[in-house]
Amino acid sequence: MRIVDLTQTLSNDMPLYPGMPRPSFMDTARVEVDGYDMSEYHLMNHIGTHVDAPAHQVVGDTLDDIPLQRLVTEAVVLDFSAHERGAITRAETDPYLDRVKPGDIVLLYSGGARYWGTDAYWTGWCFPDAEAAQALIERGISAIGFDGPSADPVGSTTFAIHKVWLSAGRMILENLTNLDQVPERTLPVVAPMKVRGANGAPALIFALI
């Protein structure tokens, strides 16, 4: 078995969605001084590679309501790496729909992760438009995952497409990486922090191949 890490690293100097406060990862004790290591973390829960629960933007399930079977399930990778950054239409997703099974996590590979750490990462990305999202929802998927920062277009203030996914009870995985290293069908493990009532959380996400 090969394991591919799909997670961006959290750090004090990590890339952040514009307007997000910077996290702090600070050692509060060191083995050399105190005889043990301990650290203090301060961070928003929607930075880096993370999972949006429905409760992020609608009245719906929090992460602790989501059965583990929806977090460790088959995935299908849809290759849109040749697509220009921006909305993906229903007509463009239709040829892929027969590959999508009920319960799948859909991983949308656009090549966006190559811009991580640059300003370009935040100025354009690929995402299914509302009609394309609805078509995938109707296939009975568990979640949608992106190698970009959002399910909505640049500059959105209403996050209307987030609401399409989340109001249908689907999770959103954002800021994935290494989707070019996984086959069309794979088994991902999505492991968000277990926090009671969480509307979302940073997650370790990896694929078993």
Protein backbone atom coordinates (compact mmCIF):
# COMPACT_ATOMS: atom_id res chain seq x y z
CA MET A 1 0.00 0.00 0.00
CA ARG A 2 1.14 3.54 -0.82
CA ILE A 3 -0.05 6.54 1.21
CA VAL A 4 -0.34 10.00 -0.36
CA ASP A 5 -0.64 12.98 1.96
CA LEU A 6 -3.28 15.43 0.68
CA THR A 7 -2.75 17.91 3.51
CA GLN A 8 -1.07 21.32 3.57
CA THR A 9 1.11 21.98 6.62
CA LEU A 10 -0.04 24.30 9.42
CA SER A 11 2.57 26.78 10.63
CA ASN A 12 3.00 30.34 11.89
CA ASP A 13 3.90 31.56 8.41
CA MET A 14 1.41 29.45 6.43
CA PRO A 15 -0.61 30.94 3.54
CA LEU A 16 -3.99 32.30 4.68
CA TYR A 17 -7.26 33.22 3.02
CA PRO A 18 -7.35 37.03 2.83
CA GLY A 19 -8.66 38.52 6.06
CA MET A 20 -7.99 35.46 8.21
CA PRO A 21 -6.02 36.17 11.40
CA ARG A 22 -2.62 34.54 11.60
CA PRO A 23 -2.35 31.40 13.74
CA SER A 24 0.15 30.95 16.54
CA PHE A 25 1.98 27.70 17.21
CA MET A 26 4.23 28.35 20.20
CA ASP A 27 6.31 26.11 22.44
CA THR A 28 5.54 26.73 26.11
CA ALA A 29 8.01 24.20 27.50
CA ARG A 30 11.21 22.63 26.18
CA VAL A 31 12.88 19.37 27.12
CA GLU A 32 16.25 21.13 27.53
CA VAL A 33 14.81 23.56 30.12
CA ASP A 34 11.68 21.97 31.58
CA GLY A 35 12.23 18.27 31.07
CA TYR A 36 9.31 17.99 28.64
CA ASP A 37 7.96 19.63 25.50
CA MET A 38 4.54 21.28 25.36
CA SER A 39 3.02 23.75 22.89
CA GLU A 40 0.13 26.20 22.70
CA TYR A 41 -1.91 26.56 19.49
CA HIS A 42 -4.24 29.43 18.53
CA LEU A 43 -5.97 29.20 15.15
CA MET A 44 -9.19 29.71 13.26
CA ASN A 45 -10.81 26.41 12.32
CA HIS A 46 -11.12 27.16 8.58
CA ILE A 47 -7.46 27.55 7.65
CA GLY A 48 -5.15 25.20 5.81
CA THR A 49 -6.53 21.84 4.78
CA HIS A 50 -9.87 21.65 6.55
CA VAL A 51 -13.42 20.31 6.45
CA ASP A 52 -16.53 22.50 6.33
CA ALA A 53 -19.48 20.88 8.08
CA PRO A 54 -22.99 21.87 6.96
CA ALA A 55 -23.26 23.99 10.13
CA HIS A 56 -20.54 26.27 8.74
CA GLN A 57 -23.11 28.27 6.76
CA VAL A 58 -26.56 26.73 7.30
CA VAL A 59 -28.54 25.19 10.13
CA GLY A 60 -27.27 21.65 9.82
CA ASP A 61 -24.96 18.92 11.05
CA THR A 62 -21.79 19.71 12.93
CA LEU A 63 -18.72 17.55 12.38
CA ASP A 64 -19.49 15.34 15.35
CA ASP A 65 -22.85 14.51 13.72
CA ILE A 66 -21.09 13.10 10.64
CA PRO A 67 -20.69 9.29 10.71
CA LEU A 68 -17.12 8.08 10.25
CA GLN A 69 -18.29 6.05 7.26
CA ARG A 70 -18.67 9.34 5.37
CA LEU A 71 -15.08 10.33 6.21
CA VAL A 72 -13.44 7.05 5.22
CA THR A 73 -15.07 6.08 1.94
CA GLU A 74 -14.24 5.76 -1.73
CA ALA A 75 -13.30 8.81 -3.72
CA VAL A 76 -13.27 9.68 -7.38
CA VAL A 77 -10.81 12.22 -8.76
CA LEU A 78 -12.20 14.45 -11.52
CA ASP A 79 -9.36 15.87 -13.61
CA PHE A 80 -9.93 19.51 -14.51
CA SER A 81 -6.24 20.39 -14.55
CA ALA A 82 -6.55 21.70 -18.12
CA HIS A 83 -9.52 23.92 -17.20
CA GLU A 84 -8.97 27.64 -16.84
CA ARG A 85 -9.38 28.90 -13.31
CA GLY A 86 -13.02 29.76 -12.63
CA ALA A 87 -16.45 28.14 -12.69
CA ILE A 88 -16.96 24.63 -14.06
CA THR A 89 -20.36 24.30 -15.70
CA ARG A 90 -22.92 21.51 -15.63
CA ALA A 91 -22.13 20.75 -19.27
CA GLU A 92 -18.46 20.31 -18.33
CA THR A 93 -19.19 17.98 -15.40
CA ASP A 94 -21.81 15.85 -17.22
CA PRO A 95 -19.20 13.61 -18.93
CA TYR A 96 -17.84 12.67 -15.48
CA LEU A 97 -21.12 11.87 -13.74
CA ASP A 98 -21.17 8.17 -14.66
CA ARG A 99 -17.88 7.77 -12.77
CA VAL A 100 -19.39 9.11 -9.54
CA LYS A 101 -20.92 6.55 -7.15
CA PRO A 102 -23.29 7.19 -4.23
CA GLY A 103 -21.26 7.83 -1.08
CA ASP A 104 -18.16 8.98 -2.96
CA ILE A 105 -16.00 11.89 -1.95
CA VAL A 106 -15.43 13.83 -5.17
CA LEU A 107 -11.91 15.26 -5.37
CA LEU A 108 -11.65 18.01 -7.97
CA TYR A 109 -8.11 18.14 -9.31
CA SER A 110 -7.45 21.50 -10.96
CA GLY A 111 -3.73 21.92 -10.32
CA GLY A 112 -4.47 24.80 -7.98
CA ALA A 113 -2.14 23.49 -5.26
CA ARG A 114 0.88 24.48 -7.34
CA TYR A 115 0.08 28.10 -6.49
CA TRP A 116 0.06 27.48 -2.70
CA GLY A 117 2.32 30.03 -1.04
CA THR A 118 1.86 32.64 -3.78
CA ASP A 119 -0.64 35.46 -4.26
CA ALA A 120 -1.98 33.63 -7.30
CA TYR A 121 -3.50 30.96 -5.05
CA TRP A 122 -6.05 33.49 -3.79
CA THR A 123 -6.88 35.16 -7.11
CA GLY A 124 -8.48 32.26 -8.98
CA TRP A 125 -9.44 28.61 -8.63
CA CYS A 126 -11.74 26.00 -10.12
CA PHE A 127 -15.14 25.15 -8.63
CA PRO A 128 -18.40 23.63 -9.93
CA ASP A 129 -21.07 26.27 -10.46
CA ALA A 130 -24.43 25.88 -8.72
CA GLU A 131 -25.94 23.65 -11.44
CA ALA A 132 -22.87 21.42 -11.59
CA ALA A 133 -22.84 21.18 -7.80
CA GLN A 134 -26.49 20.15 -7.79
CA ALA A 135 -25.81 17.43 -10.36
CA LEU A 136 -23.08 15.98 -8.15
CA ILE A 137 -25.30 16.21 -5.08
CA GLU A 138 -27.96 14.23 -6.94
CA ARG A 139 -25.40 11.45 -7.42
CA GLY A 140 -25.48 11.03 -3.61
CA ILE A 141 -21.91 12.05 -2.86
CA SER A 142 -20.60 12.47 0.68
CA ALA A 143 -18.33 15.47 0.12
CA ILE A 144 -16.58 17.64 -2.44
CA GLY A 145 -12.87 18.40 -2.18
CA PHE A 146 -10.80 21.15 -3.80
CA ASP A 147 -7.09 21.86 -4.34
CA GLY A 148 -8.11 25.51 -3.97
CA PRO A 149 -9.38 27.71 -1.15
CA SER A 150 -13.14 27.88 -1.70
CA ALA A 151 -16.26 26.40 -3.29
CA ASP A 152 -17.25 29.93 -4.33
CA PRO A 153 -15.71 32.41 -6.77
CA VAL A 154 -13.12 35.02 -5.88
CA GLY A 155 -14.64 37.93 -3.99
CA SER A 156 -17.88 36.18 -3.05
CA THR A 157 -19.58 37.72 -0.02
CA THR A 158 -22.74 35.56 -0.03
CA PHE A 159 -21.01 32.17 -0.47
CA ALA A 160 -24.05 30.97 -2.39
CA ILE A 161 -22.37 27.81 -3.73
CA HIS A 162 -21.16 26.87 -0.25
CA LYS A 163 -24.82 26.97 0.74
CA VAL A 164 -25.80 24.68 -2.16
CA TRP A 165 -23.41 22.02 -0.87
CA LEU A 166 -23.95 22.54 2.84
CA SER A 167 -27.74 22.86 2.74
CA ALA A 168 -27.76 19.45 1.03
CA GLY A 169 -25.75 18.02 3.94
CA ARG A 170 -22.53 17.66 1.96
CA MET A 171 -19.13 18.44 3.46
CA ILE A 172 -16.56 20.62 1.71
CA LEU A 173 -12.82 19.86 1.85
CA GLU A 174 -10.62 22.84 1.02
CA ASN A 175 -6.90 23.45 0.40
CA LEU A 176 -6.01 19.90 -0.63
CA THR A 177 -2.72 19.06 -2.30
CA ASN A 178 -1.07 16.22 -4.25
CA LEU A 179 -4.26 15.23 -6.10
CA ASP A 180 -2.06 14.63 -9.14
CA GLN A 181 -0.51 11.69 -7.26
CA VAL A 182 -3.69 9.66 -6.77
CA PRO A 183 -5.53 7.49 -9.31
CA GLU A 184 -9.06 8.19 -10.50
CA ARG A 185 -10.51 5.98 -7.77
CA THR A 186 -8.88 5.87 -4.35
CA LEU A 187 -9.64 5.46 -0.65
CA PRO A 188 -9.14 8.68 1.30
CA VAL A 189 -9.09 9.06 5.06
CA VAL A 190 -10.50 12.39 6.25
CA ALA A 191 -9.60 12.99 9.90
CA PRO A 192 -10.74 16.38 11.22
CA MET A 193 -10.10 17.42 14.80
CA LYS A 194 -12.82 15.98 17.03
CA VAL A 195 -14.41 19.04 18.63
CA ARG A 196 -17.94 19.02 20.01
CA GLY A 197 -20.29 21.12 17.90
CA ALA A 198 -17.61 22.02 15.31
CA ASN A 199 -18.77 23.87 12.19
CA GLY A 200 -15.47 22.84 10.63
CA ALA A 201 -11.96 21.83 11.59
CA PRO A 202 -8.44 21.41 10.30
CA ALA A 203 -7.95 17.85 9.07
CA LEU A 204 -5.29 15.36 8.17
CA ILE A 205 -6.40 13.93 4.83
CA PHE A 206 -4.54 11.16 3.02
CA ALA A 207 -5.21 8.59 0.31
CA LEU A 208 -4.55 4.86 0.58
CA ILE A 209 -3.47 3.45 -2.77
